[in-house]
């Protein structure tokens, strides 16, 4: 699954999350540059990755729900 968020900070930014439902593999890109990669996970319980966009706090959360995952991007304390 690929999630893409457009963030309106400065000139604007794109955050892209790749997350494999079955493999648990994940990668996060900010403006096309990879900043996080996770390999194969036999049992994917979700994860949280913290980073900054132009000095503003951002968090991607992948939450494990029954039979599905929820993907969230929080920027400056606000859900995008």
PDB file of N, CA and C in Angstrom:
ATOM      1  N   UNK A   1       0.846  -1.167   0.000  1.00  0.00           N
ATOM      2  CA  UNK A   1       0.000   0.000   0.000  1.00  0.00           C
ATOM      3  C   UNK A   1       0.897   1.237   0.000  1.00  0.00           C
ATOM      4  N   UNK A   2       0.487   2.227  -0.742  1.00  0.00           N
ATOM      5  CA  UNK A   2       1.207   3.493  -0.767  1.00  0.00           C
ATOM      6  C   UNK A   2       0.269   4.604  -0.322  1.00  0.00           C
ATOM      7  N   UNK A   3       0.734   5.389   0.629  1.00  0.00           N
ATOM      8  CA  UNK A   3      -0.011   6.560   1.091  1.00  0.00           C
ATOM      9  C   UNK A   3       0.808   7.791   0.728  1.00  0.00           C
ATOM     10  N   UNK A   4       0.138   8.835   0.244  1.00  0.00           N
ATOM     11  CA  UNK A   4       0.821  10.076  -0.122  1.00  0.00           C
ATOM     12  C   UNK A   4       0.069  11.236   0.527  1.00  0.00           C
ATOM     13  N   UNK A   5       0.825  12.093   1.200  1.00  0.00           N
ATOM     14  CA  UNK A   5       0.267  13.286   1.821  1.00  0.00           C
ATOM     15  C   UNK A   5       0.989  14.503   1.258  1.00  0.00           C
ATOM     16  N   UNK A   6       0.235  15.552   0.954  1.00  0.00           N
ATOM     17  CA  UNK A   6       0.789  16.853   0.584  1.00  0.00           C
ATOM     18  C   UNK A   6       0.723  17.731   1.821  1.00  0.00           C
ATOM     19  N   UNK A   7       1.861  18.283   2.216  1.00  0.00           N
ATOM     20  CA  UNK A   7       1.942  19.087   3.428  1.00  0.00           C
ATOM     21  C   UNK A   7       2.226  20.531   3.045  1.00  0.00           C
ATOM     22  N   UNK A   8       1.385  21.444   3.504  1.00  0.00           N
ATOM     23  CA  UNK A   8       1.508  22.863   3.157  1.00  0.00           C
ATOM     24  C   UNK A   8       2.364  23.607   4.170  1.00  0.00           C
ATOM     25  N   UNK A   9       3.662  23.381   4.099  1.00  0.00           N
ATOM     26  CA  UNK A   9       4.631  24.116   4.906  1.00  0.00           C
ATOM     27  C   UNK A   9       5.629  24.704   3.921  1.00  0.00           C
ATOM     28  N   UNK A  10       5.855  25.996   3.999  1.00  0.00           N
ATOM     29  CA  UNK A  10       6.780  26.631   3.069  1.00  0.00           C
ATOM     30  C   UNK A  10       6.298  26.461   1.641  1.00  0.00           C
ATOM     31  N   UNK A  11       7.187  25.947   0.782  1.00  0.00           N
ATOM     32  CA  UNK A  11       6.857  25.727  -0.629  1.00  0.00           C
ATOM     33  C   UNK A  11       5.967  24.508  -0.836  1.00  0.00           C
ATOM     34  N   UNK A  12       5.726  23.736   0.212  1.00  0.00           N
ATOM     35  CA  UNK A  12       4.938  22.511   0.113  1.00  0.00           C
ATOM     36  C   UNK A  12       5.857  21.303   0.043  1.00  0.00           C
ATOM     37  N   UNK A  13       5.416  20.207   0.626  1.00  0.00           N
ATOM     38  CA  UNK A  13       6.214  18.989   0.681  1.00  0.00           C
ATOM     39  C   UNK A  13       5.316  17.780   0.434  1.00  0.00           C
ATOM     40  N   UNK A  14       5.938  16.692  -0.010  1.00  0.00           N
ATOM     41  CA  UNK A  14       5.233  15.435  -0.225  1.00  0.00           C
ATOM     42  C   UNK A  14       5.847  14.366   0.669  1.00  0.00           C
ATOM     43  N   UNK A  15       4.997  13.705   1.437  1.00  0.00           N
ATOM     44  CA  UNK A  15       5.419  12.591   2.280  1.00  0.00           C
ATOM     45  C   UNK A  15       4.775  11.337   1.701  1.00  0.00           C
ATOM     46  N   UNK A  16       5.609  10.324   1.453  1.00  0.00           N
ATOM     47  CA  UNK A  16       5.118   9.083   0.863  1.00  0.00           C
ATOM     48  C   UNK A  16       5.513   7.910   1.765  1.00  0.00           C
ATOM     49  N   UNK A  17       4.524   7.061   2.065  1.00  0.00           N
ATOM     50  CA  UNK A  17       4.738   5.867   2.876  1.00  0.00           C
ATOM     51  C   UNK A  17       4.424   4.648   2.028  1.00  0.00           C
ATOM     52  N   UNK A  18       5.361   3.725   1.958  1.00  0.00           N
ATOM     53  CA  UNK A  18       5.144   2.412   1.356  1.00  0.00           C
ATOM     54  C   UNK A  18       5.076   1.416   2.506  1.00  0.00           C
ATOM     55  N   UNK A  19       4.002   0.612   2.541  1.00  0.00           N
ATOM     56  CA  UNK A  19       3.866  -0.359   3.629  1.00  0.00           C
ATOM     57  C   UNK A  19       3.283  -1.645   3.074  1.00  0.00           C
ATOM     58  N   UNK A  20       4.035  -2.732   3.214  1.00  0.00           N
ATOM     59  CA  UNK A  20       3.579  -4.038   2.745  1.00  0.00           C
ATOM     60  C   UNK A  20       2.727  -4.725   3.795  1.00  0.00           C
ATOM     61  N   UNK A  21       1.467  -4.942   3.483  1.00  0.00           N
ATOM     62  CA  UNK A  21       0.541  -5.558   4.430  1.00  0.00           C
ATOM     63  C   UNK A  21       1.028  -6.936   4.860  1.00  0.00           C
ATOM     64  N   UNK A  22       1.445  -7.764   3.916  1.00  0.00           N
ATOM     65  CA  UNK A  22       1.859  -9.129   4.241  1.00  0.00           C
ATOM     66  C   UNK A  22       3.313  -9.218   4.670  1.00  0.00           C
ATOM     67  N   UNK A  23       4.184  -8.416   4.066  1.00  0.00           N
ATOM     68  CA  UNK A  23       5.618  -8.516   4.364  1.00  0.00           C
ATOM     69  C   UNK A  23       6.042  -7.673   5.566  1.00  0.00           C
ATOM     70  N   UNK A  24       5.290  -6.627   5.856  1.00  0.00           N
ATOM     71  CA  UNK A  24       5.669  -5.716   6.929  1.00  0.00           C
ATOM     72  C   UNK A  24       6.756  -4.734   6.534  1.00  0.00           C
ATOM     73  N   UNK A  25       7.267  -4.847   5.302  1.00  0.00           N
ATOM     74  CA  UNK A  25       8.291  -3.912   4.848  1.00  0.00           C
ATOM     75  C   UNK A  25       7.694  -2.510   4.781  1.00  0.00           C
ATOM     76  N   UNK A  26       8.531  -1.517   5.039  1.00  0.00           N
ATOM     77  CA  UNK A  26       8.055  -0.136   5.003  1.00  0.00           C
ATOM     78  C   UNK A  26       9.182   0.789   4.587  1.00  0.00           C
ATOM     79  N   UNK A  27       8.810   1.883   3.926  1.00  0.00           N
ATOM     80  CA  UNK A  27       9.758   2.937   3.569  1.00  0.00           C
ATOM     81  C   UNK A  27       9.006   4.261   3.609  1.00  0.00           C
ATOM     82  N   UNK A  28       9.715   5.308   4.030  1.00  0.00           N
ATOM     83  CA  UNK A  28       9.132   6.648   4.086  1.00  0.00           C
ATOM     84  C   UNK A  28      10.035   7.582   3.300  1.00  0.00           C
ATOM     85  N   UNK A  29       9.414   8.405   2.454  1.00  0.00           N
ATOM     86  CA  UNK A  29      10.138   9.406   1.677  1.00  0.00           C
ATOM     87  C   UNK A  29       9.594  10.793   1.983  1.00  0.00           C
ATOM     88  N   UNK A  30      10.493  11.756   2.014  1.00  0.00           N
ATOM     89  CA  UNK A  30      10.116  13.167   2.106  1.00  0.00           C
ATOM     90  C   UNK A  30      10.669  13.835   0.861  1.00  0.00           C
ATOM     91  N   UNK A  31       9.772  14.354   0.035  1.00  0.00           N
ATOM     92  CA  UNK A  31      10.151  15.007  -1.222  1.00  0.00           C
ATOM     93  C   UNK A  31      11.049  14.107  -2.071  1.00  0.00           C
ATOM     94  N   UNK A  32      10.713  12.822  -2.132  1.00  0.00           N
ATOM     95  CA  UNK A  32      11.424  11.883  -2.982  1.00  0.00           C
ATOM     96  C   UNK A  32      12.706  11.304  -2.400  1.00  0.00           C
ATOM     97  N   UNK A  33      13.118  11.760  -1.218  1.00  0.00           N
ATOM     98  CA  UNK A  33      14.331  11.242  -0.585  1.00  0.00           C
ATOM     99  C   UNK A  33      13.951  10.301   0.555  1.00  0.00           C
ATOM    100  N   UNK A  34      14.457   9.077   0.468  1.00  0.00           N
ATOM    101  CA  UNK A  34      14.145   8.093   1.504  1.00  0.00           C
ATOM    102  C   UNK A  34      14.786   8.486   2.832  1.00  0.00           C
ATOM    103  N   UNK A  35      13.985   8.415   3.904  1.00  0.00           N
ATOM    104  CA  UNK A  35      14.515   8.747   5.227  1.00  0.00           C
ATOM    105  C   UNK A  35      14.321   7.613   6.225  1.00  0.00           C
ATOM    106  N   UNK A  36      13.595   6.573   5.822  1.00  0.00           N
ATOM    107  CA  UNK A  36      13.367   5.439   6.716  1.00  0.00           C
ATOM    108  C   UNK A  36      13.095   4.208   5.872  1.00  0.00           C
ATOM    109  N   UNK A  37      13.674   3.074   6.274  1.00  0.00           N
ATOM    110  CA  UNK A  37      13.399   1.795   5.608  1.00  0.00           C
ATOM    111  C   UNK A  37      13.409   0.699   6.660  1.00  0.00           C
ATOM    112  N   UNK A  38      12.425  -0.175   6.546  1.00  0.00           N
ATOM    113  CA  UNK A  38      12.331  -1.320   7.439  1.00  0.00           C
ATOM    114  C   UNK A  38      12.162  -2.568   6.584  1.00  0.00           C
ATOM    115  N   UNK A  39      12.921  -3.603   6.908  1.00  0.00           N
ATOM    116  CA  UNK A  39      12.879  -4.842   6.145  1.00  0.00           C
ATOM    117  C   UNK A  39      11.720  -5.739   6.560  1.00  0.00           C
ATOM    118  N   UNK A  40      11.829  -6.976   6.158  1.00  0.00           N
ATOM    119  CA  UNK A  40      10.802  -7.981   6.400  1.00  0.00           C
ATOM    120  C   UNK A  40      10.487  -8.117   7.892  1.00  0.00           C
ATOM    121  N   UNK A  41       9.206  -8.108   8.217  1.00  0.00           N
ATOM    122  CA  UNK A  41       8.737  -8.325   9.588  1.00  0.00           C
ATOM    123  C   UNK A  41       7.750  -9.492   9.551  1.00  0.00           C
ATOM    124  N   UNK A  42       8.088 -10.554  10.244  1.00  0.00           N
ATOM    125  CA  UNK A  42       7.206 -11.725  10.257  1.00  0.00           C
ATOM    126  C   UNK A  42       5.878 -11.388  10.927  1.00  0.00           C
ATOM    127  N   UNK A  43       5.947 -10.656  12.028  1.00  0.00           N
ATOM    128  CA  UNK A  43       4.731 -10.256  12.734  1.00  0.00           C
ATOM    129  C   UNK A  43       4.734  -8.737  12.830  1.00  0.00           C
ATOM    130  N   UNK A  44       3.970  -8.072  11.975  1.00  0.00           N
ATOM    131  CA  UNK A  44       3.959  -6.611  11.898  1.00  0.00           C
ATOM    132  C   UNK A  44       2.971  -6.054  12.918  1.00  0.00           C
ATOM    133  N   UNK A  45       3.496  -5.430  13.953  1.00  0.00           N
ATOM    134  CA  UNK A  45       2.646  -4.837  14.989  1.00  0.00           C
ATOM    135  C   UNK A  45       2.466  -3.341  14.793  1.00  0.00           C
ATOM    136  N   UNK A  46       2.957  -2.824  13.654  1.00  0.00           N
ATOM    137  CA  UNK A  46       2.883  -1.393  13.395  1.00  0.00           C
ATOM    138  C   UNK A  46       4.152  -0.709  13.869  1.00  0.00           C
ATOM    139  N   UNK A  47       4.219   0.603  13.649  1.00  0.00           N
ATOM    140  CA  UNK A  47       5.392   1.362  14.084  1.00  0.00           C
ATOM    141  C   UNK A  47       5.070   2.848  14.070  1.00  0.00           C
ATOM    142  N   UNK A  48       6.014   3.620  14.612  1.00  0.00           N
ATOM    143  CA  UNK A  48       5.923   5.075  14.625  1.00  0.00           C
ATOM    144  C   UNK A  48       7.294   5.610  14.230  1.00  0.00           C
ATOM    145  N   UNK A  49       7.315   6.586  13.335  1.00  0.00           N
ATOM    146  CA  UNK A  49       8.579   7.208  12.923  1.00  0.00           C
ATOM    147  C   UNK A  49       8.437   8.725  13.064  1.00  0.00           C
ATOM    148  N   UNK A  50       9.357   9.326  13.826  1.00  0.00           N
ATOM    149  CA  UNK A  50       9.350  10.776  14.059  1.00  0.00           C
ATOM    150  C   UNK A  50      10.411  11.434  13.186  1.00  0.00           C
ATOM    151  N   UNK A  51      10.062  12.594  12.625  1.00  0.00           N
ATOM    152  CA  UNK A  51      10.986  13.356  11.793  1.00  0.00           C
ATOM    153  C   UNK A  51      10.551  14.809  11.797  1.00  0.00           C
ATOM    154  N   UNK A  52      11.245  15.647  11.055  1.00  0.00           N
ATOM    155  CA  UNK A  52      10.891  17.064  10.981  1.00  0.00           C
ATOM    156  C   UNK A  52      10.743  17.500   9.527  1.00  0.00           C
ATOM    157  N   UNK A  53       9.822  18.429   9.327  1.00  0.00           N
ATOM    158  CA  UNK A  53       9.638  19.070   8.033  1.00  0.00           C
ATOM    159  C   UNK A  53       9.870  20.550   8.262  1.00  0.00           C
ATOM    160  N   UNK A  54      10.966  21.065   7.744  1.00  0.00           N
ATOM    161  CA  UNK A  54      11.354  22.466   7.958  1.00  0.00           C
ATOM    162  C   UNK A  54      11.324  22.838   9.438  1.00  0.00           C
ATOM    163  N   UNK A  55      11.824  21.946  10.288  1.00  0.00           N
ATOM    164  CA  UNK A  55      11.906  22.213  11.715  1.00  0.00           C
ATOM    165  C   UNK A  55      10.621  21.979  12.493  1.00  0.00           C
ATOM    166  N   UNK A  56       9.578  21.517  11.813  1.00  0.00           N
ATOM    167  CA  UNK A  56       8.287  21.254  12.467  1.00  0.00           C
ATOM    168  C   UNK A  56       8.145  19.755  12.678  1.00  0.00           C
ATOM    169  N   UNK A  57       7.756  19.362  13.888  1.00  0.00           N
ATOM    170  CA  UNK A  57       7.636  17.952  14.248  1.00  0.00           C
ATOM    171  C   UNK A  57       6.581  17.240  13.417  1.00  0.00           C
ATOM    172  N   UNK A  58       6.942  16.047  12.952  1.00  0.00           N
ATOM    173  CA  UNK A  58       6.019  15.207  12.190  1.00  0.00           C
ATOM    174  C   UNK A  58       6.179  13.762  12.660  1.00  0.00           C
ATOM    175  N   UNK A  59       5.085  13.010  12.592  1.00  0.00           N
ATOM    176  CA  UNK A  59       5.083  11.603  12.999  1.00  0.00           C
ATOM    177  C   UNK A  59       4.249  10.819  11.997  1.00  0.00           C
ATOM    178  N   UNK A  60       4.788   9.713  11.526  1.00  0.00           N
ATOM    179  CA  UNK A  60       3.982   8.748  10.775  1.00  0.00           C
ATOM    180  C   UNK A  60       3.718   7.585  11.716  1.00  0.00           C
ATOM    181  N   UNK A  61       2.459   7.210  11.808  1.00  0.00           N
ATOM    182  CA  UNK A  61       2.066   6.074  12.639  1.00  0.00           C
ATOM    183  C   UNK A  61       1.386   5.033  11.758  1.00  0.00           C
ATOM    184  N   UNK A  62       1.838   3.802  11.877  1.00  0.00           N
ATOM    185  CA  UNK A  62       1.178   2.672  11.242  1.00  0.00           C
ATOM    186  C   UNK A  62       0.636   1.835  12.385  1.00  0.00           C
ATOM    187  N   UNK A  63      -0.673   1.799  12.496  1.00  0.00           N
ATOM    188  CA  UNK A  63      -1.340   1.137  13.622  1.00  0.00           C
ATOM    189  C   UNK A  63      -1.966  -0.169  13.160  1.00  0.00           C
ATOM    190  N   UNK A  64      -1.695  -1.225  13.893  1.00  0.00           N
ATOM    191  CA  UNK A  64      -2.229  -2.543  13.577  1.00  0.00           C
ATOM    192  C   UNK A  64      -3.637  -2.652  14.153  1.00  0.00           C
ATOM    193  N   UNK A  65      -4.588  -2.828  13.277  1.00  0.00           N
ATOM    194  CA  UNK A  65      -5.987  -3.016  13.669  1.00  0.00           C
ATOM    195  C   UNK A  65      -6.399  -4.428  13.245  1.00  0.00           C
ATOM    196  N   UNK A  66      -7.450  -4.972  13.807  1.00  0.00           N
ATOM    197  CA  UNK A  66      -7.885  -6.308  13.356  1.00  0.00           C
ATOM    198  C   UNK A  66      -8.142  -6.326  11.847  1.00  0.00           C
ATOM    199  N   UNK A  67      -7.394  -7.158  11.144  1.00  0.00           N
ATOM    200  CA  UNK A  67      -7.545  -7.381   9.706  1.00  0.00           C
ATOM    201  C   UNK A  67      -7.196  -6.180   8.834  1.00  0.00           C
ATOM    202  N   UNK A  68      -6.542  -5.166   9.387  1.00  0.00           N
ATOM    203  CA  UNK A  68      -6.190  -3.979   8.601  1.00  0.00           C
ATOM    204  C   UNK A  68      -5.153  -3.147   9.355  1.00  0.00           C
ATOM    205  N   UNK A  69      -4.603  -2.159   8.669  1.00  0.00           N
ATOM    206  CA  UNK A  69      -3.699  -1.190   9.266  1.00  0.00           C
ATOM    207  C   UNK A  69      -4.271   0.201   9.041  1.00  0.00           C
ATOM    208  N   UNK A  70      -4.007   1.095   9.973  1.00  0.00           N
ATOM    209  CA  UNK A  70      -4.347   2.507   9.826  1.00  0.00           C
ATOM    210  C   UNK A  70      -3.043   3.271   9.653  1.00  0.00           C
ATOM    211  N   UNK A  71      -3.001   4.162   8.666  1.00  0.00           N
ATOM    212  CA  UNK A  71      -1.799   4.949   8.377  1.00  0.00           C
ATOM    213  C   UNK A  71      -2.114   6.415   8.646  1.00  0.00           C
ATOM    214  N   UNK A  72      -1.326   7.039   9.515  1.00  0.00           N
ATOM    215  CA  UNK A  72      -1.577   8.431   9.907  1.00  0.00           C
ATOM    216  C   UNK A  72      -0.307   9.258   9.762  1.00  0.00           C
ATOM    217  N   UNK A  73      -0.496  10.510   9.351  1.00  0.00           N
ATOM    218  CA  UNK A  73       0.578  11.495   9.374  1.00  0.00           C
ATOM    219  C   UNK A  73       0.119  12.643  10.257  1.00  0.00           C
ATOM    220  N   UNK A  74       0.928  12.959  11.261  1.00  0.00           N
ATOM    221  CA  UNK A  74       0.681  14.075  12.157  1.00  0.00           C
ATOM    222  C   UNK A  74       1.771  15.110  11.922  1.00  0.00           C
ATOM    223  N   UNK A  75       1.385  16.362  11.724  1.00  0.00           N
ATOM    224  CA  UNK A  75       2.331  17.455  11.544  1.00  0.00           C
ATOM    225  C   UNK A  75       1.960  18.564  12.512  1.00  0.00           C
ATOM    226  N   UNK A  76       2.898  18.959  13.347  1.00  0.00           N
ATOM    227  CA  UNK A  76       2.672  20.010  14.337  1.00  0.00           C
ATOM    228  C   UNK A  76       1.450  19.701  15.212  1.00  0.00           C
ATOM    229  N   UNK A  77       1.289  18.418  15.562  1.00  0.00           N
ATOM    230  CA  UNK A  77       0.205  18.005  16.445  1.00  0.00           C
ATOM    231  C   UNK A  77      -1.145  17.872  15.779  1.00  0.00           C
ATOM    232  N   UNK A  78      -1.209  17.990  14.441  1.00  0.00           N
ATOM    233  CA  UNK A  78      -2.488  17.920  13.716  1.00  0.00           C
ATOM    234  C   UNK A  78      -2.467  16.754  12.745  1.00  0.00           C
ATOM    235  N   UNK A  79      -3.551  15.972  12.751  1.00  0.00           N
ATOM    236  CA  UNK A  79      -3.680  14.875  11.823  1.00  0.00           C
ATOM    237  C   UNK A  79      -3.902  15.423  10.411  1.00  0.00           C
ATOM    238  N   UNK A  80      -3.142  14.933   9.465  1.00  0.00           N
ATOM    239  CA  UNK A  80      -3.234  15.410   8.072  1.00  0.00           C
ATOM    240  C   UNK A  80      -4.233  14.598   7.287  1.00  0.00           C
TER     241      UNK A  80
END
